[in-house]
């Protein structure tokens, strides 16, 4: 239960229905805004809808005083964006297999990440500790931090990351090549890393341990789940290069997301772990934040 939340007594089933209604309204109003804007290019159309939907979710988070309502937006909206771009690509120069690889990977990533959020989410009375910290730190100015830092910045970064999918979905200038193979390996491998790290973390938390996690992937680096998330967006960018090198600049999305994690998420989480589990953090502080250490094999006597 979070102090800032307006109605923390709502249970998870009712909370889920409320969030579903908010997102349905957000997507509906986003589509309406895009339709009325006069935009014709699918990228511009999706961008207007995305921004409008973000503002709708933001309005609810302000009313309910729980910014975590935005949490699943990160993974849900890209699934809809690539689906729309696939539909809008009719008649465009494309490679069908590449299209379906990108669509399948984005949906696998988005569905898994959303499911992981649902497993750990306890309802509308549950707010991420980082948002409560920011609310306490900024006071009356928190609404601006909420709008810019918690809602608009992630929306813009994720949309920029999604741009790398556009060449593969609707503007391919090249047939399948070795970069597609590399992109498939990086993107698919990153989804696996993030899924395994999240699964190990859930299992650790279910044991009600009072110690930090330092086994499995978590023994190789401090934030393997972040590593998987970053790798996914770089893998998507490789698909852009494979499809049409003229879209090289779409790497700005993966770069922005990468910087978000290493400059904001990693330091905040390290500080949180150091505060809650000081002895554990002393043991793992020498581990790399993201790039995993190699597996050490014991010498046979």
Protein backbone atom coordinates (compact mmCIF):
# COMPACT_ATOMS: atom_id res chain seq x y z
CA UNK A 1 0.00 0.00 0.00
CA UNK A 2 1.35 3.42 -0.93
CA UNK A 3 0.74 6.64 0.97
CA UNK A 4 0.12 8.72 -2.13
CA UNK A 5 -2.49 6.42 -3.65
CA UNK A 6 -6.08 7.70 -3.47
CA UNK A 7 -7.95 4.39 -3.06
CA UNK A 8 -5.46 1.71 -1.94
CA UNK A 9 -8.19 -0.71 -0.83
CA UNK A 10 -9.03 -1.84 -4.40
CA UNK A 11 -8.17 -5.50 -4.97
CA UNK A 12 -6.18 -6.83 -7.91
CA UNK A 13 -9.12 -8.06 -10.08
CA UNK A 14 -10.97 -4.73 -9.78
CA UNK A 15 -7.69 -2.86 -10.28
CA UNK A 16 -6.99 -4.83 -13.45
CA UNK A 17 -10.41 -3.96 -14.86
CA UNK A 18 -9.80 -0.30 -14.04
CA UNK A 19 -6.41 -0.29 -15.75
CA UNK A 20 -7.85 -2.10 -18.78
CA UNK A 21 -10.57 0.57 -19.02
CA UNK A 22 -7.96 3.34 -18.79
CA UNK A 23 -5.86 1.81 -21.55
CA UNK A 24 -8.88 1.16 -23.75
CA UNK A 25 -9.87 4.82 -23.36
CA UNK A 26 -6.27 5.92 -23.99
CA UNK A 27 -5.94 3.93 -27.21
CA UNK A 28 -9.40 4.97 -28.43
CA UNK A 29 -8.73 8.66 -27.84
CA UNK A 30 -5.27 8.29 -29.34
CA UNK A 31 -6.70 6.84 -32.53
CA UNK A 32 -9.33 9.58 -32.65
CA UNK A 33 -6.69 12.30 -32.24
CA UNK A 34 -4.54 10.78 -34.98
CA UNK A 35 -7.53 10.49 -37.32
CA UNK A 36 -8.48 14.14 -36.74
CA UNK A 37 -4.90 15.41 -37.08
CA UNK A 38 -4.76 15.02 -40.84
CA UNK A 39 -1.50 13.07 -40.61
CA UNK A 40 -0.99 10.72 -43.55
CA UNK A 41 2.31 8.95 -42.92
CA UNK A 42 1.95 5.90 -40.63
CA UNK A 43 4.88 7.05 -38.48
CA UNK A 44 3.34 10.46 -37.82
CA UNK A 45 -0.08 8.89 -37.31
CA UNK A 46 1.26 6.46 -34.71
CA UNK A 47 3.25 9.21 -32.99
CA UNK A 48 0.18 11.41 -32.49
CA UNK A 49 -1.86 8.48 -31.20
CA UNK A 50 0.98 7.46 -28.87
CA UNK A 51 1.37 10.93 -27.35
CA UNK A 52 -2.37 11.34 -26.88
CA UNK A 53 -2.71 7.94 -25.21
CA UNK A 54 0.18 8.82 -22.89
CA UNK A 55 -1.59 12.00 -21.79
CA UNK A 56 -4.77 10.04 -21.06
CA UNK A 57 -2.87 7.60 -18.85
CA UNK A 58 -1.08 10.55 -17.21
CA UNK A 59 -4.42 12.17 -16.39
CA UNK A 60 -5.54 9.00 -14.62
CA UNK A 61 -2.29 8.69 -12.68
CA UNK A 62 -2.72 12.27 -11.46
CA UNK A 63 -6.31 11.63 -10.39
CA UNK A 64 -5.50 8.32 -8.70
CA UNK A 65 -2.09 9.49 -7.45
CA UNK A 66 -0.32 6.38 -8.68
CA UNK A 67 2.19 6.78 -11.51
CA UNK A 68 2.64 3.01 -11.74
CA UNK A 69 -0.51 2.87 -13.85
CA UNK A 70 1.87 3.81 -16.66
CA UNK A 71 4.17 0.78 -16.06
CA UNK A 72 2.65 -1.62 -18.66
CA UNK A 73 2.57 1.16 -21.29
CA UNK A 74 6.26 0.48 -22.02
CA UNK A 75 5.52 -3.02 -23.29
CA UNK A 76 1.91 -2.83 -24.53
CA UNK A 77 2.02 0.10 -26.95
CA UNK A 78 4.96 -1.11 -29.11
CA UNK A 79 2.95 -4.25 -29.84
CA UNK A 80 0.13 -2.11 -31.25
CA UNK A 81 2.50 0.20 -33.14
CA UNK A 82 4.22 -2.60 -35.06
CA UNK A 83 0.88 -4.27 -35.76
CA UNK A 84 -0.44 -1.02 -37.24
CA UNK A 85 2.72 -0.50 -39.29
CA UNK A 86 2.46 -4.04 -40.64
CA UNK A 87 -1.12 -3.32 -41.71
CA UNK A 88 -0.06 0.02 -43.24
CA UNK A 89 2.74 -1.61 -45.25
CA UNK A 90 0.42 -3.03 -47.93
CA UNK A 91 2.04 -2.43 -51.30
CA UNK A 92 5.37 -1.31 -49.81
CA UNK A 93 8.72 -2.95 -50.68
CA UNK A 94 9.12 -5.56 -47.95
CA UNK A 95 10.57 -8.98 -47.23
CA UNK A 96 7.75 -11.00 -45.71
CA UNK A 97 9.94 -13.25 -43.57
CA UNK A 98 11.71 -10.25 -42.06
CA UNK A 99 8.34 -8.60 -41.38
CA UNK A 100 7.07 -11.58 -39.46
CA UNK A 101 10.31 -12.06 -37.56
CA UNK A 102 10.16 -8.47 -36.30
CA UNK A 103 6.45 -8.64 -35.51
CA UNK A 104 6.87 -11.96 -33.69
CA UNK A 105 9.86 -10.79 -31.66
CA UNK A 106 8.21 -7.53 -30.60
CA UNK A 107 5.06 -9.37 -29.59
CA UNK A 108 7.03 -12.05 -27.73
CA UNK A 109 8.97 -9.35 -25.88
CA UNK A 110 5.88 -7.24 -25.15
CA UNK A 111 3.65 -10.11 -24.04
CA UNK A 112 6.33 -11.54 -21.76
CA UNK A 113 7.20 -8.20 -20.19
CA UNK A 114 3.52 -7.38 -19.63
CA UNK A 115 2.95 -10.79 -18.06
CA UNK A 116 5.94 -10.25 -15.77
CA UNK A 117 4.45 -6.91 -14.69
CA UNK A 118 1.11 -8.58 -14.02
CA UNK A 119 2.71 -11.30 -11.87
CA UNK A 120 4.43 -8.84 -9.54
CA UNK A 121 1.74 -6.12 -9.62
CA UNK A 122 -0.52 -6.12 -6.55
CA UNK A 123 -3.19 -3.73 -7.78
CA UNK A 124 -3.80 0.01 -7.92
CA UNK A 125 -2.66 0.37 -4.33
CA UNK A 126 0.83 -0.68 -5.44
CA UNK A 127 3.19 2.05 -6.66
CA UNK A 128 6.84 1.71 -7.65
CA UNK A 129 9.11 2.90 -4.83
CA UNK A 130 10.94 5.24 -7.22
CA UNK A 131 7.79 7.28 -7.86
CA UNK A 132 7.08 7.66 -4.16
CA UNK A 133 10.66 8.84 -3.66
CA UNK A 134 10.30 11.41 -6.46
CA UNK A 135 6.98 12.61 -5.02
CA UNK A 136 8.57 13.17 -1.61
CA UNK A 137 11.59 14.90 -3.14
CA UNK A 138 9.76 17.31 -5.48
CA UNK A 139 6.58 18.06 -3.54
CA UNK A 140 4.25 20.35 -5.49
CA UNK A 141 6.46 20.13 -8.57
CA UNK A 142 6.02 16.37 -8.72
CA UNK A 143 3.28 16.62 -11.36
CA UNK A 144 5.87 18.07 -13.75
CA UNK A 145 8.33 15.26 -12.99
CA UNK A 146 5.47 12.80 -13.43
CA UNK A 147 4.51 14.24 -16.81
CA UNK A 148 8.00 14.74 -18.23
CA UNK A 149 10.14 12.08 -16.61
CA UNK A 150 7.74 9.22 -15.87
CA UNK A 151 5.36 9.51 -18.85
CA UNK A 152 6.59 11.57 -21.80
CA UNK A 153 10.29 10.66 -21.71
CA UNK A 154 9.72 6.87 -21.76
CA UNK A 155 7.02 7.26 -24.42
CA UNK A 156 9.37 9.26 -26.65
CA UNK A 157 12.29 6.87 -26.10
CA UNK A 158 10.23 3.76 -26.77
CA UNK A 159 8.67 5.30 -29.88
CA UNK A 160 12.18 6.20 -31.09
CA UNK A 161 13.20 2.60 -30.43
CA UNK A 162 10.19 1.33 -32.39
CA UNK A 163 11.27 3.39 -35.42
CA UNK A 164 13.91 0.75 -36.08
CA UNK A 165 11.07 -1.68 -36.85
CA UNK A 166 9.67 0.50 -39.64
CA UNK A 167 12.22 -0.40 -42.38
CA UNK A 168 11.76 -4.11 -41.72
CA UNK A 169 7.99 -3.77 -41.74
CA UNK A 170 7.46 -1.29 -44.57
CA UNK A 171 10.63 -0.07 -46.30
CA UNK A 172 13.04 -2.90 -47.06
CA UNK A 173 15.71 -2.15 -49.65
CA UNK A 174 17.66 -5.39 -49.15
CA UNK A 175 16.88 -9.08 -49.18
CA UNK A 176 17.59 -11.26 -46.17
CA UNK A 177 21.28 -11.11 -45.25
CA UNK A 178 23.73 -11.92 -42.46
CA UNK A 179 22.60 -8.89 -40.45
CA UNK A 180 19.13 -10.43 -40.17
CA UNK A 181 20.69 -13.52 -38.62
CA UNK A 182 22.66 -11.39 -36.16
CA UNK A 183 19.56 -9.31 -35.37
CA UNK A 184 17.52 -12.45 -34.71
CA UNK A 185 20.20 -13.83 -32.39
CA UNK A 186 20.65 -10.58 -30.47
CA UNK A 187 16.93 -9.83 -30.13
CA UNK A 188 15.87 -13.38 -29.34
CA UNK A 189 18.80 -13.90 -26.98
CA UNK A 190 18.01 -10.66 -25.16
CA UNK A 191 14.39 -11.69 -24.65
CA UNK A 192 15.66 -14.98 -23.19
CA UNK A 193 18.13 -13.22 -20.87
CA UNK A 194 15.49 -10.83 -19.57
CA UNK A 195 12.94 -13.63 -19.13
CA UNK A 196 15.38 -15.85 -17.25
CA UNK A 197 16.59 -13.00 -15.03
CA UNK A 198 13.00 -12.05 -14.16
CA UNK A 199 12.11 -15.68 -13.45
CA UNK A 200 15.10 -16.08 -11.13
CA UNK A 201 14.18 -12.84 -9.35
CA UNK A 202 10.57 -13.94 -8.86
CA UNK A 203 11.69 -17.27 -7.44
CA UNK A 204 14.05 -15.51 -5.07
CA UNK A 205 11.37 -13.10 -3.85
CA UNK A 206 8.84 -15.91 -3.37
CA UNK A 207 11.24 -17.46 -0.88
CA UNK A 208 10.92 -14.34 1.29
CA UNK A 209 14.67 -14.10 1.60
CA UNK A 210 16.09 -11.11 3.45
CA UNK A 211 19.21 -11.23 1.29
CA UNK A 212 19.85 -9.93 -2.21
CA UNK A 213 19.97 -12.26 -5.20
CA UNK A 214 23.48 -13.37 -6.22
CA UNK A 215 22.98 -16.61 -8.13
CA UNK A 216 22.23 -17.61 -11.72
CA UNK A 217 22.48 -14.68 -14.12
CA UNK A 218 22.60 -12.37 -11.10
CA UNK A 219 26.00 -13.81 -10.21
CA UNK A 220 27.41 -12.59 -13.54
CA UNK A 221 26.27 -8.96 -13.43
CA UNK A 222 24.21 -6.76 -11.13
CA UNK A 223 21.33 -6.11 -13.55
CA UNK A 224 20.85 -8.92 -16.09
CA UNK A 225 17.20 -7.93 -16.62
CA UNK A 226 18.33 -4.47 -17.74
CA UNK A 227 20.94 -6.07 -19.98
CA UNK A 228 18.22 -8.08 -21.72
CA UNK A 229 16.01 -5.02 -22.18
CA UNK A 230 18.82 -2.94 -23.67
CA UNK A 231 19.88 -5.80 -25.94
CA UNK A 232 16.35 -6.16 -27.30
CA UNK A 233 16.33 -2.59 -28.63
CA UNK A 234 19.80 -2.89 -30.18
CA UNK A 235 18.68 -6.12 -31.84
CA UNK A 236 15.67 -4.33 -33.30
CA UNK A 237 18.03 -1.67 -34.65
CA UNK A 238 20.07 -4.38 -36.39
CA UNK A 239 16.91 -5.33 -38.28
CA UNK A 240 16.67 -1.73 -39.51
CA UNK A 241 20.23 -1.90 -40.85
CA UNK A 242 19.55 -5.27 -42.42
CA UNK A 243 16.41 -4.00 -44.16
CA UNK A 244 17.52 -0.54 -45.30
CA UNK A 245 20.79 1.13 -44.20
CA UNK A 246 19.29 4.54 -45.06
CA UNK A 247 17.48 4.23 -41.72
CA UNK A 248 20.78 4.06 -39.78
CA UNK A 249 19.73 7.07 -37.70
CA UNK A 250 16.98 5.08 -35.96
CA UNK A 251 19.71 3.82 -33.65
CA UNK A 252 19.00 6.97 -31.64
CA UNK A 253 16.14 5.05 -29.99
CA UNK A 254 18.28 2.15 -28.77
CA UNK A 255 20.97 4.61 -27.70
CA UNK A 256 18.48 6.71 -25.73
CA UNK A 257 17.07 3.65 -23.97
CA UNK A 258 20.60 2.43 -23.24
CA UNK A 259 21.48 5.79 -21.66
CA UNK A 260 18.23 5.80 -19.67
CA UNK A 261 19.21 2.55 -18.02
CA UNK A 262 22.88 3.24 -17.36
CA UNK A 263 22.38 6.86 -16.24
CA UNK A 264 19.12 6.57 -14.29
CA UNK A 265 17.83 3.03 -13.70
CA UNK A 266 21.13 1.37 -12.73
CA UNK A 267 22.26 4.08 -10.25
CA UNK A 268 18.80 4.26 -8.65
CA UNK A 269 18.56 0.50 -8.27
CA UNK A 270 22.12 0.22 -6.94
CA UNK A 271 21.32 2.86 -4.32
CA UNK A 272 18.16 0.97 -3.39
CA UNK A 273 20.01 -2.34 -2.99
CA UNK A 274 22.80 -0.69 -0.99
CA UNK A 275 20.19 0.74 1.37
CA UNK A 276 18.12 -2.42 1.83
CA UNK A 277 20.87 -5.06 1.62
CA UNK A 278 24.17 -3.36 2.51
CA UNK A 279 26.08 -6.59 3.13
CA UNK A 280 24.86 -8.07 -0.14
CA UNK A 281 25.79 -4.94 -2.08
CA UNK A 282 29.30 -5.05 -0.66
CA UNK A 283 29.63 -8.56 -2.10
CA UNK A 284 28.31 -7.71 -5.58
CA UNK A 285 29.48 -4.12 -6.06
CA UNK A 286 32.52 -5.33 -8.01
CA UNK A 287 30.34 -7.18 -10.49
CA UNK A 288 29.80 -5.29 -13.77
CA UNK A 289 26.46 -3.51 -13.92
CA UNK A 290 25.46 -5.00 -17.28
CA UNK A 291 28.14 -6.90 -19.20
CA UNK A 292 28.22 -10.36 -17.56
CA UNK A 293 31.38 -12.00 -16.27
CA UNK A 294 32.30 -15.34 -17.89
CA UNK A 295 31.36 -18.53 -16.11
CA UNK A 296 34.20 -19.70 -13.92
CA UNK A 297 34.91 -23.41 -14.14
CA UNK A 298 36.38 -25.20 -11.19
CA UNK A 299 39.68 -26.95 -11.81
CA UNK A 300 39.52 -30.72 -11.65
CA UNK A 301 41.94 -32.05 -9.04
